[in-house]
Amino acid sequence: MGRKLPEGKIPPRYGQERILEILMKFRAPLIIALITIMASTVGYMILSKVDLLKAFYMTILTVTTIGYGEMWDMTAKDRIFNLAVMTVGVGAVMGYSIAVLINIVTSGEVKKILRFRKMVSDISALKGHYIIFGLNDYVIHLIKELKHYRIPVVLIDPSEELEEFAKEHDIRYYLNLEPTEENTLYLANLEAAVGAVVATLDDYRNLAIVLTVKNAVTKNSIYPFFILALAKKEEFKEKLKLVGADYVETIPSIISKRVAILARKPPIFGEKSLLEEILFGEHTFIDIEELVVQPDSPIIGKTLKELDLRKRFGITVIAIKKSNGTVIFTPGGDVKIEPLDIMVIVAPRKKIEEAVKALFKGKITSRSTMLRKKLKERLNGLE
């Protein structure tokens, strides 16, 4: 069940006051209706000499056009007055009220407000999501990849095209708000998010967004929290890091790196390079992981040959970083494992988990496991 957010966090255009403003459009027809009912009731009492209840009942029947017929024998003068009540009732009261109602319904503003408030409520129940800023092709592909790994996202953009964009690309959570306002981040459930991806096509805007996110994260002591940013121009890379981005990549750089891999090693054995498929494929099962050897791990003092990781678990050690900073690339079988060594391995994901449990007895920690543990502790603290 979603957490109830303070009303003050809801922007004024989506607040209860705005709903009241819309409902106040009924004020004029309501006043006219009350005046008509009062005047008609008094008129019937004076002209026809009937009691209050009968006069009021006749008024309601006439104004609402129900028309059960005359409640008493009316004179010509009574009928002329009755015609006036009918005219005002149908035209000024019923017609005006229906026109106002149609205007409110067709404008869709109330529906939009209620949908926004429902969206905020749903987002407040999320955990472990990414907040994404931007409305472009890069964001479409990014969200597609995150969906593949079942990572929820909240898309934020002030563009009027956001709702249509979200429907077209099956994006469930989105907020049509200004991303450089700190309040927007709270509505996106910043405290329960893993991180933010800033990927608009305006580098200056990206700077402002990163600064806003970093300020909110620091102010609320949210850790760990990762801010990833895309830049169109290389000169903005360092600027984005200076204002708080943890990792920044330029769009031309990403594209050129991918193309360079293909250029250096063209896919001569098939339509797509196997290396490309392993590193960037949509359904790859291979993982590159860093394992930190704990001081009490049972593998300390053993050589890679003794561990025989490749034969037993299908794990290949491609590098080992020693505690003194030395890095051994493609280590041989005679390399001994020491406390706090960082082993860089390549293996199927399931095999890594299997090896950690069976061989290392849990006395080894992957960098991703450490991250998941810290995130879990932070997110559990929100309950």
Protein backbone atom coordinates (compact mmCIF):
# COMPACT_ATOMS: atom_id res chain seq x y z
CA MET A 1 0.00 0.00 0.00
CA GLY A 2 1.42 3.38 -1.00
CA ARG A 3 2.57 5.88 1.58
CA LYS A 4 0.40 8.96 1.86
CA LEU A 5 2.32 12.02 0.78
CA PRO A 6 1.77 15.40 2.45
CA GLU A 7 -0.69 17.58 0.54
CA GLY A 8 1.94 20.32 0.45
CA LYS A 9 4.08 18.19 -1.88
CA ILE A 10 1.37 18.10 -4.54
CA PRO A 11 1.80 21.01 -7.02
CA PRO A 12 -1.00 23.60 -6.80
CA ARG A 13 -2.37 22.74 -10.23
CA TYR A 14 -3.02 19.20 -8.97
CA GLY A 15 -4.02 20.11 -5.41
CA GLN A 16 -7.37 20.02 -3.65
CA GLU A 17 -7.65 23.79 -4.02
CA ARG A 18 -7.63 23.40 -7.80
CA ILE A 19 -10.42 20.81 -7.59
CA LEU A 20 -12.43 23.26 -5.50
CA GLU A 21 -11.82 26.02 -8.06
CA ILE A 22 -13.23 23.79 -10.80
CA LEU A 23 -16.23 22.84 -8.69
CA MET A 24 -16.84 26.54 -8.02
CA LYS A 25 -17.93 26.83 -11.65
CA PHE A 26 -21.21 25.38 -10.39
CA ARG A 27 -21.63 28.36 -8.08
CA ALA A 28 -23.49 30.55 -10.61
CA PRO A 29 -26.05 27.91 -11.72
CA LEU A 30 -26.49 26.86 -8.08
CA ILE A 31 -27.28 30.44 -7.01
CA ILE A 32 -29.71 30.84 -9.92
CA ALA A 33 -31.36 27.53 -8.99
CA LEU A 34 -31.77 28.54 -5.33
CA ILE A 35 -33.20 31.96 -6.27
CA THR A 36 -35.58 30.32 -8.76
CA ILE A 37 -36.78 27.75 -6.22
CA MET A 38 -37.27 30.36 -3.50
CA ALA A 39 -39.06 32.84 -5.80
CA SER A 40 -41.23 30.11 -7.31
CA THR A 41 -42.21 28.70 -3.92
CA VAL A 42 -43.13 32.12 -2.54
CA GLY A 43 -44.96 32.95 -5.79
CA TYR A 44 -47.11 29.82 -5.60
CA MET A 45 -47.91 30.54 -1.94
CA ILE A 46 -49.01 34.12 -2.72
CA LEU A 47 -50.81 33.57 -6.04
CA SER A 48 -52.45 30.21 -5.34
CA LYS A 49 -52.84 30.51 -1.57
CA VAL A 50 -51.27 27.05 -0.94
CA ASP A 51 -49.11 25.96 1.97
CA LEU A 52 -45.30 25.91 1.94
CA LEU A 53 -44.88 22.15 1.40
CA LYS A 54 -47.28 22.04 -1.58
CA ALA A 55 -45.71 25.14 -3.14
CA PHE A 56 -42.17 23.77 -2.73
CA TYR A 57 -43.20 20.37 -4.10
CA MET A 58 -44.79 21.99 -7.17
CA THR A 59 -41.66 24.08 -7.69
CA ILE A 60 -39.37 21.04 -7.72
CA LEU A 61 -41.67 19.16 -10.12
CA THR A 62 -41.73 22.14 -12.49
CA VAL A 63 -38.04 23.18 -12.33
CA THR A 64 -36.78 19.61 -12.81
CA THR A 65 -39.30 19.06 -15.67
CA ILE A 66 -40.68 15.93 -13.99
CA GLY A 67 -44.19 17.31 -14.47
CA TYR A 68 -46.72 15.09 -12.68
CA GLY A 69 -49.39 17.66 -13.49
CA GLU A 70 -51.05 20.42 -11.51
CA MET A 71 -51.20 19.89 -7.74
CA TRP A 72 -54.32 22.10 -7.43
CA ASP A 73 -56.84 23.82 -9.63
CA MET A 74 -54.92 26.65 -11.26
CA THR A 75 -56.31 29.92 -12.58
CA ALA A 76 -55.04 31.61 -15.75
CA LYS A 77 -52.80 33.80 -13.60
CA ASP A 78 -51.35 30.69 -11.87
CA ARG A 79 -50.63 29.01 -15.21
CA ILE A 80 -48.84 32.10 -16.59
CA PHE A 81 -46.62 32.09 -13.49
CA ASN A 82 -46.10 28.35 -13.93
CA LEU A 83 -44.93 28.91 -17.51
CA ALA A 84 -42.40 31.43 -16.25
CA VAL A 85 -41.10 28.91 -13.69
CA MET A 86 -40.81 26.23 -16.41
CA THR A 87 -38.89 28.60 -18.71
CA VAL A 88 -36.44 29.64 -16.01
CA GLY A 89 -36.15 26.06 -14.71
CA VAL A 90 -35.39 24.48 -18.06
CA GLY A 91 -33.30 27.28 -19.53
CA ALA A 92 -31.46 29.03 -16.73
CA VAL A 93 -31.24 26.17 -14.24
CA MET A 94 -31.17 22.82 -16.06
CA GLY A 95 -29.63 24.11 -19.30
CA TYR A 96 -26.97 26.24 -17.63
CA SER A 97 -26.04 23.51 -15.13
CA ILE A 98 -25.71 20.89 -17.87
CA ALA A 99 -23.59 23.26 -19.98
CA VAL A 100 -21.21 23.86 -17.05
CA LEU A 101 -21.02 20.10 -16.36
CA ILE A 102 -20.27 19.32 -20.01
CA ASN A 103 -17.55 21.99 -20.03
CA ILE A 104 -15.86 20.47 -16.97
CA VAL A 105 -16.08 16.92 -18.30
CA THR A 106 -14.84 17.72 -21.81
CA SER A 107 -11.93 19.79 -20.52
CA GLY A 108 -10.66 16.68 -18.75
CA GLU A 109 -9.00 18.73 -16.03
CA VAL A 110 -10.58 16.91 -13.10
CA LYS A 111 -9.70 13.56 -14.67
CA LYS A 112 -6.12 14.76 -15.19
CA ILE A 113 -5.83 15.85 -11.55
CA LEU A 114 -7.21 12.58 -10.22
CA ARG A 115 -4.92 10.59 -12.54
CA PHE A 116 -1.88 12.55 -11.36
CA ARG A 117 -2.73 12.00 -7.69
CA LYS A 118 -3.23 8.27 -8.34
CA MET A 119 0.14 8.19 -10.12
CA VAL A 120 1.89 9.83 -7.16
CA SER A 121 0.27 7.31 -4.81
CA ASP A 122 1.45 4.38 -6.97
CA ILE A 123 4.99 5.77 -7.20
CA SER A 124 5.14 6.18 -3.41
CA ALA A 125 4.85 2.37 -3.15
CA LEU A 126 7.89 1.73 -5.39
CA LYS A 127 11.27 0.52 -4.15
CA GLY A 128 14.56 0.04 -5.96
CA HIS A 129 13.56 2.12 -9.00
CA TYR A 130 15.47 4.57 -11.16
CA ILE A 131 14.33 8.13 -11.78
CA ILE A 132 14.93 9.01 -15.43
CA PHE A 133 14.98 12.51 -16.89
CA GLY A 134 14.53 12.97 -20.63
CA LEU A 135 12.20 12.31 -23.54
CA ASN A 136 14.16 10.92 -26.47
CA ASP A 137 15.29 7.77 -28.27
CA TYR A 138 18.10 7.11 -25.80
CA VAL A 139 15.60 7.02 -22.95
CA ILE A 140 13.35 4.61 -24.87
CA HIS A 141 16.16 2.09 -25.27
CA LEU A 142 17.35 2.59 -21.70
CA ILE A 143 13.90 1.90 -20.27
CA LYS A 144 13.61 -1.16 -22.49
CA GLU A 145 16.86 -2.55 -21.07
CA LEU A 146 15.86 -1.83 -17.48
CA LYS A 147 12.51 -3.53 -18.08
CA HIS A 148 14.37 -6.61 -19.24
CA TYR A 149 16.05 -6.74 -15.83
CA ARG A 150 12.73 -5.94 -14.09
CA ILE A 151 13.94 -2.62 -12.74
CA PRO A 152 11.06 -0.13 -12.39
CA VAL A 153 11.52 3.43 -13.63
CA VAL A 154 9.84 6.78 -13.05
CA LEU A 155 10.11 9.06 -16.07
CA ILE A 156 10.09 12.82 -15.46
CA ASP A 157 9.70 15.50 -18.11
CA PRO A 158 7.75 18.79 -18.34
CA SER A 159 6.79 18.24 -21.99
CA GLU A 160 3.11 18.09 -22.94
CA GLU A 161 3.99 15.04 -25.02
CA LEU A 162 4.96 12.99 -21.97
CA GLU A 163 1.64 11.20 -21.47
CA GLU A 164 1.40 10.19 -25.12
CA PHE A 165 5.08 9.15 -25.06
CA ALA A 166 4.50 7.00 -21.96
CA LYS A 167 1.45 5.28 -23.46
CA GLU A 168 3.22 4.62 -26.75
CA HIS A 169 6.20 2.97 -25.04
CA ASP A 170 4.29 1.28 -22.22
CA ILE A 171 5.86 3.35 -19.43
CA ARG A 172 3.77 2.88 -16.31
CA TYR A 173 5.17 5.55 -13.99
CA TYR A 174 5.73 9.13 -15.13
CA LEU A 175 5.40 12.69 -13.82
CA ASN A 176 4.72 15.69 -16.02
CA LEU A 177 6.66 18.10 -13.78
CA GLU A 178 9.68 20.40 -13.87
CA PRO A 179 12.75 18.20 -13.14
CA THR A 180 14.85 21.03 -11.66
CA GLU A 181 12.41 21.47 -8.77
CA GLU A 182 13.37 19.51 -5.66
CA ASN A 183 9.75 18.80 -4.83
CA THR A 184 9.47 16.79 -8.07
CA LEU A 185 12.10 14.38 -6.75
CA TYR A 186 10.15 13.76 -3.56
CA LEU A 187 7.03 12.99 -5.60
CA ALA A 188 9.17 10.50 -7.57
CA ASN A 189 9.94 8.76 -4.25
CA LEU A 190 13.60 9.74 -4.18
CA GLU A 191 14.28 8.04 -0.83
CA ALA A 192 13.35 4.60 -2.19
CA ALA A 193 15.17 4.97 -5.53
CA VAL A 194 18.46 3.31 -6.45
CA GLY A 195 19.58 6.25 -8.52
CA ALA A 196 18.83 8.75 -11.26
CA VAL A 197 19.66 8.82 -14.97
CA VAL A 198 19.88 12.32 -16.44
CA ALA A 199 19.55 12.07 -20.20
CA THR A 200 17.90 15.15 -21.70
CA LEU A 201 19.26 16.54 -24.96
CA ASP A 202 20.21 19.86 -23.33
CA ASP A 203 23.56 19.73 -21.50
CA TYR A 204 22.86 22.89 -19.53
CA ARG A 205 19.57 21.44 -18.38
CA ASN A 206 21.37 18.24 -17.41
CA LEU A 207 23.70 20.29 -15.22
CA ALA A 208 20.76 21.86 -13.40
CA ILE A 209 19.02 18.50 -12.90
CA VAL A 210 22.15 16.76 -11.60
CA LEU A 211 22.76 19.63 -9.18
CA THR A 212 19.15 19.43 -7.94
CA VAL A 213 19.30 15.65 -7.45
CA LYS A 214 22.68 15.78 -5.71
CA ASN A 215 21.49 18.52 -3.37
CA ALA A 216 18.36 16.55 -2.40
CA VAL A 217 20.31 13.32 -1.92
CA THR A 218 22.92 15.03 0.27
CA LYS A 219 20.33 16.97 2.27
CA ASN A 220 18.38 13.80 3.08
CA SER A 221 21.48 11.58 3.60
CA ILE A 222 20.38 9.06 0.97
CA TYR A 223 23.23 6.59 0.47
CA PRO A 224 24.04 4.69 -1.65
CA PHE A 225 22.46 6.62 -4.51
CA PHE A 226 23.87 6.76 -8.03
CA ILE A 227 23.58 9.65 -10.46
CA LEU A 228 24.34 8.66 -14.05
CA ALA A 229 24.38 11.29 -16.79
CA LEU A 230 24.60 11.51 -20.56
CA ALA A 231 26.20 14.51 -22.23
CA LYS A 232 26.00 15.58 -25.85
CA LYS A 233 29.29 17.46 -25.75
CA GLU A 234 32.57 16.25 -24.34
CA GLU A 235 33.27 19.52 -22.48
CA PHE A 236 30.25 18.91 -20.24
CA LYS A 237 31.57 15.59 -18.96
CA GLU A 238 33.74 17.09 -16.20
CA LYS A 239 31.15 19.76 -15.41
CA LEU A 240 28.50 17.13 -14.74
CA LYS A 241 30.90 15.28 -12.45
CA LEU A 242 31.69 18.50 -10.59
CA VAL A 243 28.02 19.14 -9.80
CA GLY A 244 27.47 15.61 -8.50
CA ALA A 245 27.18 12.97 -11.22
CA ASP A 246 28.87 9.68 -10.24
CA TYR A 247 29.33 8.55 -13.81
CA VAL A 248 29.12 10.53 -17.04
CA GLU A 249 29.33 9.33 -20.62
CA THR A 250 28.96 11.25 -23.84
CA ILE A 251 26.56 10.00 -26.49
CA PRO A 252 29.14 10.24 -29.33
CA SER A 253 31.64 8.34 -27.15
CA ILE A 254 29.23 5.45 -26.51
CA ILE A 255 28.41 5.12 -30.18
CA SER A 256 32.04 5.39 -31.29
CA LYS A 257 33.18 2.74 -28.80
CA ARG A 258 30.57 0.27 -30.05
CA VAL A 259 31.48 0.97 -33.67
CA ALA A 260 35.22 0.72 -32.86
CA ILE A 261 34.71 -2.78 -31.45
CA LEU A 262 33.07 -3.82 -34.71
CA ALA A 263 35.67 -2.03 -36.80
CA ARG A 264 38.59 -3.70 -35.02
CA LYS A 265 36.91 -7.10 -34.92
CA PRO A 266 34.29 -7.32 -37.67
CA PRO A 267 31.66 -10.07 -37.24
CA ILE A 268 33.11 -12.30 -39.97
CA PHE A 269 31.59 -15.44 -38.46
CA GLY A 270 28.06 -14.16 -38.52
CA GLU A 271 25.75 -11.23 -38.73
CA LYS A 272 26.68 -10.08 -35.24
CA SER A 273 29.97 -10.30 -33.35
CA LEU A 274 29.88 -12.90 -30.58
CA LEU A 275 31.81 -10.46 -28.39
CA GLU A 276 29.10 -7.86 -29.00
CA GLU A 277 26.43 -10.40 -28.14
CA ILE A 278 28.13 -11.33 -24.85
CA LEU A 279 28.80 -7.75 -23.77
CA PHE A 280 25.72 -5.98 -25.09
CA GLY A 281 23.22 -8.66 -26.11
CA GLU A 282 19.68 -8.41 -24.83
CA HIS A 283 19.61 -11.94 -23.48
CA THR A 284 23.23 -12.53 -22.50
CA PHE A 285 23.77 -14.77 -19.48
CA ILE A 286 27.50 -14.02 -19.10
CA ASP A 287 28.57 -11.70 -16.30
CA ILE A 288 31.81 -9.91 -15.44
CA GLU A 289 32.10 -9.62 -11.67
CA GLU A 290 34.58 -8.37 -9.06
CA LEU A 291 34.97 -10.57 -6.00
CA VAL A 292 36.60 -9.23 -2.82
CA VAL A 293 38.30 -11.99 -0.81
CA GLN A 294 37.48 -11.65 2.89
CA PRO A 295 40.31 -12.15 5.48
CA ASP A 296 38.73 -15.37 6.78
CA SER A 297 37.97 -16.92 3.40
CA PRO A 298 38.88 -20.64 3.06
CA ILE A 299 40.54 -20.02 -0.34
CA ILE A 300 43.34 -17.84 1.14
CA GLY A 301 46.75 -19.39 0.49
CA LYS A 302 45.50 -21.56 -2.34
CA THR A 303 46.58 -21.19 -5.95
CA LEU A 304 44.26 -20.77 -8.88
CA LYS A 305 45.33 -24.21 -10.06
CA GLU A 306 44.22 -25.74 -6.76
CA LEU A 307 40.88 -23.95 -6.92
CA ASP A 308 40.31 -25.15 -10.50
CA LEU A 309 37.49 -22.63 -10.94
CA ARG A 310 37.15 -23.12 -14.69
CA LYS A 311 36.60 -26.87 -14.53
CA ARG A 312 34.41 -26.89 -11.42
CA PHE A 313 32.26 -23.82 -12.06
CA GLY A 314 33.00 -22.54 -15.55
CA ILE A 315 34.64 -19.43 -14.04
CA THR A 316 37.59 -17.71 -15.73
CA VAL A 317 39.78 -15.33 -13.71
CA ILE A 318 40.88 -12.55 -16.05
CA ALA A 319 42.66 -10.33 -13.49
CA ILE A 320 43.58 -10.08 -9.81
CA LYS A 321 44.21 -6.82 -8.00
CA LYS A 322 46.43 -7.21 -4.94
CA SER A 323 46.01 -5.17 -1.77
CA ASN A 324 49.13 -3.15 -2.66
CA GLY A 325 47.50 -2.02 -5.92
CA THR A 326 49.34 -4.39 -8.26
CA VAL A 327 47.16 -5.84 -10.99
CA ILE A 328 47.91 -9.27 -12.47
CA PHE A 329 46.22 -9.72 -15.85
CA THR A 330 45.36 -13.25 -17.07
CA PRO A 331 46.93 -14.76 -13.91
CA GLY A 332 48.57 -18.18 -14.15
CA GLY A 333 47.73 -21.22 -12.06
CA ASP A 334 50.57 -20.57 -9.61
CA VAL A 335 49.12 -17.24 -8.38
CA LYS A 336 48.15 -17.49 -4.70
CA ILE A 337 45.03 -15.89 -3.27
CA GLU A 338 45.66 -13.41 -0.46
CA PRO A 339 43.33 -11.48 1.90
CA LEU A 340 41.50 -8.55 0.26
CA ASP A 341 42.47 -9.62 -3.25
CA ILE A 342 39.98 -8.45 -5.86
CA MET A 343 39.33 -11.18 -8.42
CA VAL A 344 37.86 -10.12 -11.75
CA ILE A 345 36.02 -13.09 -13.21
CA VAL A 346 33.91 -13.97 -16.24
CA ALA A 347 31.23 -16.62 -15.85
CA PRO A 348 27.52 -17.41 -16.23
CA ARG A 349 25.61 -15.53 -13.51
CA LYS A 350 24.23 -18.68 -11.88
CA LYS A 351 27.71 -20.21 -11.69
CA ILE A 352 29.06 -17.19 -9.80
CA GLU A 353 26.36 -17.56 -7.12
CA GLU A 354 26.97 -21.32 -6.98
CA ALA A 355 30.73 -20.88 -6.49
CA VAL A 356 30.32 -18.22 -3.78
CA LYS A 357 28.10 -20.57 -1.76
CA ALA A 358 29.89 -23.88 -2.35
CA LEU A 359 33.59 -23.03 -2.61
CA PHE A 360 34.04 -19.74 -0.83
CA LYS A 361 31.52 -20.57 1.95
CA GLY A 362 30.20 -17.06 1.61
CA LYS A 363 33.56 -15.63 2.70
CA ILE A 364 33.92 -13.68 -0.48
CA THR A 365 31.87 -10.70 -1.55
CA SER A 366 31.03 -9.53 -5.04
CA ARG A 367 30.86 -5.81 -5.62
CA SER A 368 27.26 -6.14 -6.82
CA THR A 369 26.35 -8.15 -3.70
CA MET A 370 27.83 -5.46 -1.47
CA LEU A 371 25.82 -2.87 -3.37
CA ARG A 372 22.60 -4.87 -3.09
CA LYS A 373 23.16 -5.33 0.64
CA LYS A 374 23.63 -1.60 1.26
CA LEU A 375 20.61 -0.75 -0.87
CA LYS A 376 18.52 -3.35 0.93
CA GLU A 377 19.49 -1.90 4.30
CA ARG A 378 18.55 1.61 3.14
CA LEU A 379 15.26 0.59 1.59
CA ASN A 380 14.26 -1.61 4.52
CA GLY A 381 14.83 1.37 6.79
CA LEU A 382 11.96 3.17 5.00
CA GLU A 383 9.36 0.65 6.21
